[in-house]
């Protein structure tokens, strides 16, 4: 495998991790707030929504960078 393909694969794996961390972090942060304030499931859903929004925006930016990168 050539270095360009390896770099592209690693960037795509990084995008997957970014999405997972954003969604998981938002959900767990909302769950923690719900437990602190006793407002279940309000902040869990808000955290999930914010995590999804950040994940989609970041994923779009990263995919555009991958797609506009050097091609073989």
N, C-alpha and C. Protein backbone atom coordinates (compact mmCIF):
# COMPACT_ATOMS: atom_id res chain seq x y z
N UNK A 1 0.85 -1.17 0.00
CA UNK A 1 0.00 0.00 0.00
C UNK A 1 0.90 1.24 0.00
N UNK A 2 0.54 2.20 -0.83
CA UNK A 2 1.38 3.40 -0.89
C UNK A 2 1.03 4.38 0.22
N UNK A 3 1.94 5.31 0.50
CA UNK A 3 1.74 6.25 1.62
C UNK A 3 0.50 7.13 1.47
N UNK A 4 0.12 7.46 0.25
CA UNK A 4 -1.05 8.31 0.05
C UNK A 4 -2.33 7.59 0.49
N UNK A 5 -2.44 6.32 0.11
CA UNK A 5 -3.64 5.56 0.51
C UNK A 5 -3.67 5.36 2.02
N UNK A 6 -2.51 5.10 2.60
CA UNK A 6 -2.45 4.92 4.05
C UNK A 6 -2.86 6.19 4.78
N UNK A 7 -2.39 7.32 4.30
CA UNK A 7 -2.74 8.60 4.93
C UNK A 7 -4.24 8.86 4.81
N UNK A 8 -4.82 8.54 3.66
CA UNK A 8 -6.25 8.74 3.47
C UNK A 8 -7.05 7.83 4.40
N UNK A 9 -6.64 6.58 4.52
CA UNK A 9 -7.33 5.65 5.41
C UNK A 9 -7.26 6.14 6.85
N UNK A 10 -6.10 6.60 7.27
CA UNK A 10 -5.95 7.09 8.65
C UNK A 10 -6.80 8.33 8.89
N UNK A 11 -6.91 9.20 7.90
CA UNK A 11 -7.76 10.38 8.06
C UNK A 11 -9.22 10.00 8.19
N UNK A 12 -9.65 9.00 7.41
CA UNK A 12 -11.05 8.55 7.50
C UNK A 12 -11.33 7.88 8.83
N UNK A 13 -10.38 7.10 9.35
CA UNK A 13 -10.55 6.50 10.67
C UNK A 13 -10.64 7.60 11.73
N UNK A 14 -9.83 8.64 11.58
CA UNK A 14 -9.88 9.77 12.50
C UNK A 14 -11.22 10.47 12.48
N UNK A 15 -11.83 10.56 11.32
CA UNK A 15 -13.16 11.17 11.22
C UNK A 15 -14.17 10.33 11.99
N UNK A 16 -14.08 9.02 11.87
CA UNK A 16 -14.98 8.14 12.61
C UNK A 16 -14.84 8.31 14.11
N UNK A 17 -13.62 8.40 14.58
CA UNK A 17 -13.39 8.62 16.01
C UNK A 17 -13.92 9.98 16.45
N UNK A 18 -13.74 10.99 15.62
CA UNK A 18 -14.23 12.33 15.93
C UNK A 18 -15.75 12.31 16.12
N UNK A 19 -16.45 11.66 15.20
CA UNK A 19 -17.90 11.57 15.28
C UNK A 19 -18.32 10.84 16.55
N UNK A 20 -17.66 9.72 16.84
CA UNK A 20 -18.01 8.95 18.02
C UNK A 20 -17.78 9.74 19.31
N UNK A 21 -16.68 10.47 19.39
CA UNK A 21 -16.37 11.25 20.60
C UNK A 21 -17.36 12.40 20.76
N UNK A 22 -17.72 13.06 19.66
CA UNK A 22 -18.68 14.16 19.74
C UNK A 22 -20.05 13.68 20.23
N UNK A 23 -20.55 12.62 19.64
CA UNK A 23 -21.87 12.13 20.01
C UNK A 23 -21.84 11.54 21.42
N UNK A 24 -20.84 10.75 21.72
CA UNK A 24 -20.73 10.16 23.06
C UNK A 24 -20.51 11.21 24.12
N UNK A 25 -19.65 12.17 23.85
CA UNK A 25 -19.38 13.23 24.82
C UNK A 25 -20.61 14.08 25.11
N UNK A 26 -21.34 14.42 24.05
CA UNK A 26 -22.57 15.19 24.26
C UNK A 26 -23.60 14.42 25.05
N UNK A 27 -23.74 13.15 24.74
CA UNK A 27 -24.72 12.32 25.45
C UNK A 27 -24.34 12.12 26.91
N UNK A 28 -23.09 11.79 27.16
CA UNK A 28 -22.67 11.58 28.54
C UNK A 28 -22.65 12.87 29.34
N UNK A 29 -22.31 13.98 28.69
CA UNK A 29 -22.37 15.27 29.38
C UNK A 29 -23.80 15.62 29.76
N UNK A 30 -24.73 15.37 28.84
CA UNK A 30 -26.14 15.62 29.13
C UNK A 30 -26.67 14.71 30.21
N UNK A 31 -26.24 13.46 30.19
CA UNK A 31 -26.65 12.51 31.22
C UNK A 31 -26.14 12.94 32.59
N UNK A 32 -24.90 13.40 32.64
CA UNK A 32 -24.34 13.89 33.90
C UNK A 32 -25.14 15.08 34.41
N UNK A 33 -25.46 16.03 33.52
CA UNK A 33 -26.25 17.19 33.93
C UNK A 33 -27.64 16.77 34.42
N UNK A 34 -28.25 15.81 33.73
CA UNK A 34 -29.56 15.32 34.18
C UNK A 34 -29.49 14.74 35.58
N UNK A 35 -28.45 13.99 35.85
CA UNK A 35 -28.31 13.41 37.19
C UNK A 35 -28.07 14.48 38.25
N UNK A 36 -27.35 15.53 37.90
CA UNK A 36 -27.08 16.61 38.85
C UNK A 36 -28.33 17.44 39.14
N UNK A 37 -29.12 17.68 38.09
CA UNK A 37 -30.27 18.58 38.23
C UNK A 37 -31.61 17.86 38.33
N UNK A 38 -31.63 16.56 38.10
CA UNK A 38 -32.88 15.80 38.19
C UNK A 38 -33.87 16.12 37.08
N UNK A 39 -33.39 16.42 35.89
CA UNK A 39 -34.27 16.79 34.78
C UNK A 39 -34.24 15.76 33.66
N UNK A 40 -34.14 14.51 34.00
CA UNK A 40 -34.03 13.44 33.00
C UNK A 40 -35.23 13.44 32.08
N UNK A 41 -35.11 13.30 30.84
CA UNK A 41 -34.02 13.15 29.89
C UNK A 41 -33.68 14.43 29.14
N UNK A 42 -34.03 15.58 29.68
CA UNK A 42 -33.88 16.84 28.97
C UNK A 42 -32.46 17.09 28.47
N UNK A 43 -31.50 17.12 29.37
CA UNK A 43 -30.14 17.46 28.96
C UNK A 43 -29.46 16.33 28.19
N UNK A 44 -29.90 15.10 28.41
CA UNK A 44 -29.36 14.00 27.61
C UNK A 44 -29.71 14.20 26.14
N UNK A 45 -30.95 14.57 25.89
CA UNK A 45 -31.39 14.81 24.51
C UNK A 45 -30.73 16.06 23.93
N UNK A 46 -30.60 17.11 24.74
CA UNK A 46 -29.93 18.32 24.27
C UNK A 46 -28.46 18.02 23.96
N UNK A 47 -27.80 17.28 24.84
CA UNK A 47 -26.40 16.91 24.61
C UNK A 47 -26.24 16.05 23.37
N UNK A 48 -27.17 15.12 23.18
CA UNK A 48 -27.13 14.29 21.98
C UNK A 48 -27.31 15.14 20.73
N UNK A 49 -28.25 16.07 20.76
CA UNK A 49 -28.47 16.95 19.61
C UNK A 49 -27.26 17.83 19.31
N UNK A 50 -26.68 18.40 20.36
CA UNK A 50 -25.48 19.22 20.16
C UNK A 50 -24.30 18.38 19.66
N UNK A 51 -24.15 17.19 20.21
CA UNK A 51 -23.09 16.30 19.76
C UNK A 51 -23.25 15.93 18.29
N UNK A 52 -24.48 15.65 17.88
CA UNK A 52 -24.74 15.34 16.49
C UNK A 52 -24.44 16.52 15.58
N UNK A 53 -24.84 17.71 16.00
CA UNK A 53 -24.60 18.91 15.19
C UNK A 53 -23.11 19.17 15.03
N UNK A 54 -22.36 19.07 16.12
CA UNK A 54 -20.92 19.29 16.05
C UNK A 54 -20.26 18.20 15.21
N UNK A 55 -20.72 16.96 15.37
CA UNK A 55 -20.15 15.84 14.61
C UNK A 55 -20.40 16.01 13.12
N UNK A 56 -21.59 16.40 12.74
CA UNK A 56 -21.91 16.57 11.32
C UNK A 56 -21.11 17.71 10.72
N UNK A 57 -21.02 18.83 11.43
CA UNK A 57 -20.26 19.97 10.91
C UNK A 57 -18.77 19.63 10.77
N UNK A 58 -18.22 19.00 11.80
CA UNK A 58 -16.81 18.63 11.74
C UNK A 58 -16.53 17.57 10.70
N UNK A 59 -17.43 16.59 10.59
CA UNK A 59 -17.26 15.53 9.60
C UNK A 59 -17.29 16.11 8.19
N UNK A 60 -18.17 17.04 7.95
CA UNK A 60 -18.25 17.68 6.63
C UNK A 60 -16.94 18.38 6.29
N UNK A 61 -16.43 19.16 7.24
CA UNK A 61 -15.17 19.88 7.00
C UNK A 61 -14.02 18.92 6.75
N UNK A 62 -13.95 17.85 7.54
CA UNK A 62 -12.85 16.90 7.38
C UNK A 62 -12.98 16.11 6.08
N UNK A 63 -14.19 15.73 5.71
CA UNK A 63 -14.37 15.01 4.44
C UNK A 63 -14.04 15.89 3.26
N UNK A 64 -14.38 17.17 3.32
CA UNK A 64 -14.04 18.08 2.22
C UNK A 64 -12.51 18.19 2.10
N UNK A 65 -11.81 18.19 3.20
CA UNK A 65 -10.34 18.24 3.17
C UNK A 65 -9.77 16.95 2.55
N UNK A 66 -10.36 15.80 2.90
CA UNK A 66 -9.90 14.54 2.33
C UNK A 66 -10.17 14.49 0.84
N UNK A 67 -11.36 14.90 0.44
CA UNK A 67 -11.74 14.84 -0.98
C UNK A 67 -10.97 15.83 -1.84
N UNK A 68 -10.56 16.94 -1.27
CA UNK A 68 -9.82 17.93 -2.05
C UNK A 68 -8.31 17.69 -2.01
N UNK A 69 -7.91 16.64 -1.28
CA UNK A 69 -6.49 16.31 -1.17
C UNK A 69 -5.94 15.78 -2.48
N UNK A 70 -4.65 15.45 -2.49
CA UNK A 70 -4.02 14.96 -3.72
C UNK A 70 -4.63 13.64 -4.17
N UNK A 71 -4.87 13.52 -5.46
CA UNK A 71 -5.45 12.29 -6.00
C UNK A 71 -4.42 11.56 -6.85
N UNK A 72 -4.63 10.26 -6.96
CA UNK A 72 -3.69 9.46 -7.76
C UNK A 72 -4.12 9.40 -9.18
